[in-house]
PDB file of N, CA and C in Angstrom:
ATOM      1  N   UNK A   1     117.642 103.194 118.946  1.00  0.00           N
ATOM      2  CA  UNK A   1     118.566 102.825 118.434  1.00  0.00           C
ATOM      3  C   UNK A   1     118.889 103.511 117.589  1.00  0.00           C
ATOM      4  N   UNK A   2     120.030 104.223 116.969  1.00  0.00           N
ATOM      5  CA  UNK A   2     120.317 104.682 116.348  1.00  0.00           C
ATOM      6  C   UNK A   2     121.054 103.915 115.162  1.00  0.00           C
ATOM      7  N   UNK A   3     120.189 103.735 113.794  1.00  0.00           N
ATOM      8  CA  UNK A   3     120.704 102.720 113.154  1.00  0.00           C
ATOM      9  C   UNK A   3     121.847 103.617 112.006  1.00  0.00           C
ATOM     10  N   UNK A   4     121.605 104.648 112.507  1.00  0.00           N
ATOM     11  CA  UNK A   4     122.952 105.135 111.669  1.00  0.00           C
ATOM     12  C   UNK A   4     124.820 104.915 111.756  1.00  0.00           C
ATOM     13  N   UNK A   5     124.340 104.076 113.158  1.00  0.00           N
ATOM     14  CA  UNK A   5     125.913 103.735 113.766  1.00  0.00           C
ATOM     15  C   UNK A   5     125.933 102.286 112.860  1.00  0.00           C
ATOM     16  N   UNK A   6     125.195 101.616 112.415  1.00  0.00           N
ATOM     17  CA  UNK A   6     125.323 100.336 111.711  1.00  0.00           C
ATOM     18  C   UNK A   6     124.454  99.991 110.059  1.00  0.00           C
ATOM     19  N   UNK A   7     123.946 100.778 109.835  1.00  0.00           N
ATOM     20  CA  UNK A   7     123.381 100.790 108.123  1.00  0.00           C
ATOM     21  C   UNK A   7     123.930 102.086 107.561  1.00  0.00           C
ATOM     22  N   UNK A   8     125.126 101.893 106.330  1.00  0.00           N
ATOM     23  CA  UNK A   8     125.308 102.577 105.817  1.00  0.00           C
ATOM     24  C   UNK A   8     125.218 102.526 104.227  1.00  0.00           C
ATOM     25  N   UNK A   9     125.126 104.042 103.681  1.00  0.00           N
ATOM     26  CA  UNK A   9     125.074 103.805 102.257  1.00  0.00           C
ATOM     27  C   UNK A   9     126.255 104.400 101.602  1.00  0.00           C
ATOM     28  N   UNK A  10     127.598 103.571 100.700  1.00  0.00           N
ATOM     29  CA  UNK A  10     128.490 103.954 100.279  1.00  0.00           C
ATOM     30  C   UNK A  10     128.143 103.588  98.870  1.00  0.00           C
ATOM     31  N   UNK A  11     128.307 104.587  97.907  1.00  0.00           N
ATOM     32  CA  UNK A  11     128.594 104.182  96.392  1.00  0.00           C
ATOM     33  C   UNK A  11     129.412 103.072  95.852  1.00  0.00           C
ATOM     34  N   UNK A  12     130.713 102.939  96.800  1.00  0.00           N
ATOM     35  CA  UNK A  12     131.263 102.143  96.387  1.00  0.00           C
ATOM     36  C   UNK A  12     131.495 100.754  96.651  1.00  0.00           C
ATOM     37  N   UNK A  13     130.023 100.239  97.280  1.00  0.00           N
ATOM     38  CA  UNK A  13     129.579  99.087  98.017  1.00  0.00           C
ATOM     39  C   UNK A  13     128.212  99.099  97.365  1.00  0.00           C
ATOM     40  N   UNK A  14     127.918  97.314  96.788  1.00  0.00           N
ATOM     41  CA  UNK A  14     126.608  97.778  96.116  1.00  0.00           C
ATOM     42  C   UNK A  14     125.823  98.659  95.544  1.00  0.00           C
ATOM     43  N   UNK A  15     126.687  99.374  95.097  1.00  0.00           N
ATOM     44  CA  UNK A  15     125.967 100.500  94.063  1.00  0.00           C
ATOM     45  C   UNK A  15     125.375 101.468  95.077  1.00  0.00           C
ATOM     46  N   UNK A  16     125.670 101.376  96.130  1.00  0.00           N
ATOM     47  CA  UNK A  16     125.002 102.724  97.170  1.00  0.00           C
ATOM     48  C   UNK A  16     124.187 102.291  98.003  1.00  0.00           C
ATOM     49  N   UNK A  17     123.491 100.815  97.802  1.00  0.00           N
ATOM     50  CA  UNK A  17     122.229 100.292  98.530  1.00  0.00           C
ATOM     51  C   UNK A  17     122.848 100.313  99.995  1.00  0.00           C
ATOM     52  N   UNK A  18     121.782 100.643 100.988  1.00  0.00           N
ATOM     53  CA  UNK A  18     122.107 100.590 102.258  1.00  0.00           C
ATOM     54  C   UNK A  18     122.422  98.919 102.544  1.00  0.00           C
ATOM     55  N   UNK A  19     123.956  99.304 103.410  1.00  0.00           N
ATOM     56  CA  UNK A  19     124.266  97.807 103.924  1.00  0.00           C
ATOM     57  C   UNK A  19     124.689  98.011 105.257  1.00  0.00           C
ATOM     58  N   UNK A  20     125.075  96.820 106.290  1.00  0.00           N
ATOM     59  CA  UNK A  20     125.211  96.819 107.620  1.00  0.00           C
ATOM     60  C   UNK A  20     126.677  97.231 107.585  1.00  0.00           C
ATOM     61  N   UNK A  21     127.178  98.179 108.006  1.00  0.00           N
ATOM     62  CA  UNK A  21     128.488  98.697 108.022  1.00  0.00           C
ATOM     63  C   UNK A  21     129.550  97.521 108.071  1.00  0.00           C
ATOM     64  N   UNK A  22     130.574  97.817 107.470  1.00  0.00           N
ATOM     65  CA  UNK A  22     131.647  96.618 107.644  1.00  0.00           C
ATOM     66  C   UNK A  22     131.463  95.820 106.812  1.00  0.00           C
ATOM     67  N   UNK A  23     130.101  95.441 105.678  1.00  0.00           N
ATOM     68  CA  UNK A  23     130.042  94.368 105.439  1.00  0.00           C
ATOM     69  C   UNK A  23     129.523  94.397 104.019  1.00  0.00           C
ATOM     70  N   UNK A  24     129.251  93.189 103.024  1.00  0.00           N
ATOM     71  CA  UNK A  24     128.852  93.863 102.118  1.00  0.00           C
ATOM     72  C   UNK A  24     126.888  93.443 101.785  1.00  0.00           C
ATOM     73  N   UNK A  25     126.496  92.904 103.188  1.00  0.00           N
ATOM     74  CA  UNK A  25     125.022  92.467 103.595  1.00  0.00           C
ATOM     75  C   UNK A  25     124.157  93.933 103.333  1.00  0.00           C
ATOM     76  N   UNK A  26     123.348  93.917 101.963  1.00  0.00           N
ATOM     77  CA  UNK A  26     122.148  94.915 102.464  1.00  0.00           C
ATOM     78  C   UNK A  26     120.860  94.538 103.013  1.00  0.00           C
ATOM     79  N   UNK A  27     120.567  95.763 103.059  1.00  0.00           N
ATOM     80  CA  UNK A  27     119.490  95.747 104.302  1.00  0.00           C
ATOM     81  C   UNK A  27     118.372  95.072 103.287  1.00  0.00           C
ATOM     82  N   UNK A  28     118.170  95.180 101.942  1.00  0.00           N
ATOM     83  CA  UNK A  28     117.093  94.444 101.267  1.00  0.00           C
ATOM     84  C   UNK A  28     117.754  92.792 101.289  1.00  0.00           C
ATOM     85  N   UNK A  29     118.956  92.671 101.193  1.00  0.00           N
ATOM     86  CA  UNK A  29     118.806  91.093 101.389  1.00  0.00           C
ATOM     87  C   UNK A  29     118.461  90.435 102.841  1.00  0.00           C
ATOM     88  N   UNK A  30     118.538  91.072 103.629  1.00  0.00           N
ATOM     89  CA  UNK A  30     118.261  90.980 105.305  1.00  0.00           C
ATOM     90  C   UNK A  30     116.626  90.825 105.321  1.00  0.00           C
ATOM     91  N   UNK A  31     115.968  91.560 104.959  1.00  0.00           N
ATOM     92  CA  UNK A  31     114.871  91.836 104.690  1.00  0.00           C
ATOM     93  C   UNK A  31     114.038  90.713 103.727  1.00  0.00           C
ATOM     94  N   UNK A  32     114.430  90.700 102.628  1.00  0.00           N
ATOM     95  CA  UNK A  32     114.119  89.305 102.095  1.00  0.00           C
ATOM     96  C   UNK A  32     114.316  87.910 102.527  1.00  0.00           C
ATOM     97  N   UNK A  33     115.520  87.727 103.328  1.00  0.00           N
ATOM     98  CA  UNK A  33     115.306  86.329 104.234  1.00  0.00           C
ATOM     99  C   UNK A  33     114.685  86.407 105.082  1.00  0.00           C
ATOM    100  N   UNK A  34     114.167  87.167 105.907  1.00  0.00           N
ATOM    101  CA  UNK A  34     113.118  87.596 106.453  1.00  0.00           C
ATOM    102  C   UNK A  34     111.812  87.131 105.967  1.00  0.00           C
ATOM    103  N   UNK A  35     111.350  87.361 104.705  1.00  0.00           N
ATOM    104  CA  UNK A  35     110.201  87.557 104.232  1.00  0.00           C
ATOM    105  C   UNK A  35     110.162  86.055 103.476  1.00  0.00           C
ATOM    106  N   UNK A  36     111.393  85.170 103.481  1.00  0.00           N
ATOM    107  CA  UNK A  36     111.107  84.156 102.904  1.00  0.00           C
ATOM    108  C   UNK A  36     111.014  83.005 103.968  1.00  0.00           C
ATOM    109  N   UNK A  37     111.018  83.477 105.529  1.00  0.00           N
ATOM    110  CA  UNK A  37     110.665  82.829 106.693  1.00  0.00           C
ATOM    111  C   UNK A  37     112.023  82.444 107.492  1.00  0.00           C
ATOM    112  N   UNK A  38     113.195  82.721 107.123  1.00  0.00           N
ATOM    113  CA  UNK A  38     114.552  82.933 107.933  1.00  0.00           C
ATOM    114  C   UNK A  38     114.141  83.608 109.541  1.00  0.00           C
ATOM    115  N   UNK A  39     114.508  83.066 110.341  1.00  0.00           N
ATOM    116  CA  UNK A  39     114.313  83.652 111.899  1.00  0.00           C
ATOM    117  C   UNK A  39     115.631  84.215 111.954  1.00  0.00           C
ATOM    118  N   UNK A  40     115.604  85.263 113.059  1.00  0.00           N
ATOM    119  CA  UNK A  40     117.051  86.320 113.231  1.00  0.00           C
ATOM    120  C   UNK A  40     118.047  85.130 113.575  1.00  0.00           C
ATOM    121  N   UNK A  41     117.967  84.342 114.323  1.00  0.00           N
ATOM    122  CA  UNK A  41     118.561  83.278 115.178  1.00  0.00           C
ATOM    123  C   UNK A  41     119.248  82.195 113.430  1.00  0.00           C
ATOM    124  N   UNK A  42     118.603  82.083 112.627  1.00  0.00           N
ATOM    125  CA  UNK A  42     119.389  81.680 111.612  1.00  0.00           C
ATOM    126  C   UNK A  42     119.868  82.674 110.682  1.00  0.00           C
ATOM    127  N   UNK A  43     119.896  83.781 110.670  1.00  0.00           N
ATOM    128  CA  UNK A  43     120.722  84.926 110.074  1.00  0.00           C
ATOM    129  C   UNK A  43     121.704  85.049 110.605  1.00  0.00           C
ATOM    130  N   UNK A  44     121.732  85.294 111.838  1.00  0.00           N
ATOM    131  CA  UNK A  44     122.909  85.483 113.029  1.00  0.00           C
ATOM    132  C   UNK A  44     123.910  84.323 112.339  1.00  0.00           C
ATOM    133  N   UNK A  45     123.271  82.921 112.486  1.00  0.00           N
ATOM    134  CA  UNK A  45     124.122  81.750 112.676  1.00  0.00           C
ATOM    135  C   UNK A  45     124.656  81.608 110.797  1.00  0.00           C
ATOM    136  N   UNK A  46     124.119  82.152 109.708  1.00  0.00           N
ATOM    137  CA  UNK A  46     124.532  82.076 108.474  1.00  0.00           C
ATOM    138  C   UNK A  46     125.907  83.229 108.191  1.00  0.00           C
ATOM    139  N   UNK A  47     125.257  84.399 108.590  1.00  0.00           N
ATOM    140  CA  UNK A  47     125.896  85.471 108.523  1.00  0.00           C
ATOM    141  C   UNK A  47     127.136  86.349 109.893  1.00  0.00           C
ATOM    142  N   UNK A  48     128.278  85.351 110.491  1.00  0.00           N
ATOM    143  CA  UNK A  48     128.653  85.610 111.591  1.00  0.00           C
ATOM    144  C   UNK A  48     129.343  86.951 111.779  1.00  0.00           C
ATOM    145  N   UNK A  49     129.074  87.792 110.466  1.00  0.00           N
ATOM    146  CA  UNK A  49     129.346  89.151 110.960  1.00  0.00           C
ATOM    147  C   UNK A  49     128.132  90.345 111.321  1.00  0.00           C
ATOM    148  N   UNK A  50     127.255  89.713 111.164  1.00  0.00           N
ATOM    149  CA  UNK A  50     125.766  90.670 111.727  1.00  0.00           C
ATOM    150  C   UNK A  50     125.927  90.073 113.284  1.00  0.00           C
ATOM    151  N   UNK A  51     125.282  91.038 113.892  1.00  0.00           N
ATOM    152  CA  UNK A  51     125.005  91.049 115.331  1.00  0.00           C
ATOM    153  C   UNK A  51     123.458  91.118 115.797  1.00  0.00           C
ATOM    154  N   UNK A  52     122.799  90.817 117.040  1.00  0.00           N
ATOM    155  CA  UNK A  52     121.414  91.154 117.185  1.00  0.00           C
ATOM    156  C   UNK A  52     121.469  92.795 116.953  1.00  0.00           C
ATOM    157  N   UNK A  53     122.420  93.361 117.513  1.00  0.00           N
ATOM    158  CA  UNK A  53     122.816  94.788 117.564  1.00  0.00           C
ATOM    159  C   UNK A  53     122.224  95.223 115.810  1.00  0.00           C
ATOM    160  N   UNK A  54     123.154  94.842 115.083  1.00  0.00           N
ATOM    161  CA  UNK A  54     122.996  95.281 113.976  1.00  0.00           C
ATOM    162  C   UNK A  54     121.636  94.949 112.936  1.00  0.00           C
ATOM    163  N   UNK A  55     120.918  93.697 113.655  1.00  0.00           N
ATOM    164  CA  UNK A  55     119.808  93.597 112.648  1.00  0.00           C
ATOM    165  C   UNK A  55     118.534  94.372 113.254  1.00  0.00           C
ATOM    166  N   UNK A  56     118.934  94.728 114.283  1.00  0.00           N
ATOM    167  CA  UNK A  56     117.997  95.896 115.280  1.00  0.00           C
ATOM    168  C   UNK A  56     118.001  97.098 114.304  1.00  0.00           C
ATOM    169  N   UNK A  57     119.163  97.221 113.904  1.00  0.00           N
ATOM    170  CA  UNK A  57     119.356  98.855 113.024  1.00  0.00           C
ATOM    171  C   UNK A  57     118.843  98.486 111.628  1.00  0.00           C
ATOM    172  N   UNK A  58     118.801  97.292 111.389  1.00  0.00           N
ATOM    173  CA  UNK A  58     117.883  97.289 110.010  1.00  0.00           C
ATOM    174  C   UNK A  58     116.424  97.304 110.266  1.00  0.00           C
ATOM    175  N   UNK A  59     115.888  96.862 111.313  1.00  0.00           N
ATOM    176  CA  UNK A  59     114.605  97.130 111.671  1.00  0.00           C
ATOM    177  C   UNK A  59     114.257  98.712 111.875  1.00  0.00           C
ATOM    178  N   UNK A  60     114.889  99.430 112.376  1.00  0.00           N
ATOM    179  CA  UNK A  60     114.965 100.702 113.001  1.00  0.00           C
ATOM    180  C   UNK A  60     114.733 101.608 111.562  1.00  0.00           C
ATOM    181  N   UNK A  61     116.244 101.344 110.729  1.00  0.00           N
ATOM    182  CA  UNK A  61     116.143 101.786 109.374  1.00  0.00           C
ATOM    183  C   UNK A  61     114.702 101.621 108.641  1.00  0.00           C
ATOM    184  N   UNK A  62     114.190 100.516 108.558  1.00  0.00           N
ATOM    185  CA  UNK A  62     113.090 100.011 107.671  1.00  0.00           C
ATOM    186  C   UNK A  62     111.933 101.294 108.516  1.00  0.00           C
ATOM    187  N   UNK A  63     111.873 101.188 109.642  1.00  0.00           N
ATOM    188  CA  UNK A  63     110.866 101.777 110.273  1.00  0.00           C
ATOM    189  C   UNK A  63     111.035 103.444 110.079  1.00  0.00           C
ATOM    190  N   UNK A  64     112.136 103.774 110.003  1.00  0.00           N
ATOM    191  CA  UNK A  64     112.147 105.310 109.692  1.00  0.00           C
ATOM    192  C   UNK A  64     111.883 105.697 108.244  1.00  0.00           C
ATOM    193  N   UNK A  65     112.426 104.682 107.231  1.00  0.00           N
ATOM    194  CA  UNK A  65     112.032 104.713 105.703  1.00  0.00           C
ATOM    195  C   UNK A  65     110.152 104.885 105.884  1.00  0.00           C
ATOM    196  N   UNK A  66     109.477 104.174 106.632  1.00  0.00           N
ATOM    197  CA  UNK A  66     107.999 104.078 106.225  1.00  0.00           C
ATOM    198  C   UNK A  66     107.582 105.283 106.743  1.00  0.00           C
ATOM    199  N   UNK A  67     108.060 105.141 107.960  1.00  0.00           N
ATOM    200  CA  UNK A  67     107.367 106.763 108.396  1.00  0.00           C
ATOM    201  C   UNK A  67     107.936 108.026 107.948  1.00  0.00           C
ATOM    202  N   UNK A  68     109.103 107.927 107.202  1.00  0.00           N
ATOM    203  CA  UNK A  68     109.037 109.086 106.374  1.00  0.00           C
ATOM    204  C   UNK A  68     108.488 109.064 104.771  1.00  0.00           C
ATOM    205  N   UNK A  69     107.353 107.722 104.476  1.00  0.00           N
ATOM    206  CA  UNK A  69     107.109 107.457 103.229  1.00  0.00           C
ATOM    207  C   UNK A  69     107.619 107.258 102.261  1.00  0.00           C
ATOM    208  N   UNK A  70     108.800 106.630 102.477  1.00  0.00           N
ATOM    209  CA  UNK A  70     110.175 106.254 101.560  1.00  0.00           C
ATOM    210  C   UNK A  70     109.859 104.608 100.837  1.00  0.00           C
ATOM    211  N   UNK A  71     108.897 104.166 101.228  1.00  0.00           N
ATOM    212  CA  UNK A  71     108.574 102.972 100.857  1.00  0.00           C
ATOM    213  C   UNK A  71     106.698 102.663 100.206  1.00  0.00           C
ATOM    214  N   UNK A  72     106.736 103.782 100.405  1.00  0.00           N
ATOM    215  CA  UNK A  72     105.037 103.551 100.059  1.00  0.00           C
ATOM    216  C   UNK A  72     104.947 103.506  98.494  1.00  0.00           C
ATOM    217  N   UNK A  73     103.713 102.526  98.053  1.00  0.00           N
ATOM    218  CA  UNK A  73     103.333 102.455  96.538  1.00  0.00           C
ATOM    219  C   UNK A  73     102.419 103.544  96.249  1.00  0.00           C
ATOM    220  N   UNK A  74     102.633 104.064  94.820  1.00  0.00           N
ATOM    221  CA  UNK A  74     101.235 104.852  94.581  1.00  0.00           C
ATOM    222  C   UNK A  74     100.309 104.011  93.909  1.00  0.00           C
ATOM    223  N   UNK A  75     100.456 102.565  93.686  1.00  0.00           N
ATOM    224  CA  UNK A  75      99.717 101.584  93.536  1.00  0.00           C
ATOM    225  C   UNK A  75      98.156 101.381  93.971  1.00  0.00           C
TER     226      UNK A  75
END
């Protein structure tokens, strides 16, 4: 999965937070919904501009961030 085709960062949209291309839906928001217990199906039903492919891209983006050490805390 090439997440760069689906996840972008534009300083004009949500102050540059990573979002799903063509939306104002941030990666952070999607991960937050999942952390609250939402299923992928619930997210897709409530955000019709998202697709299975865009959700997969979000997961791939998060994996790359973790692999690169961008999400680790020093605590």
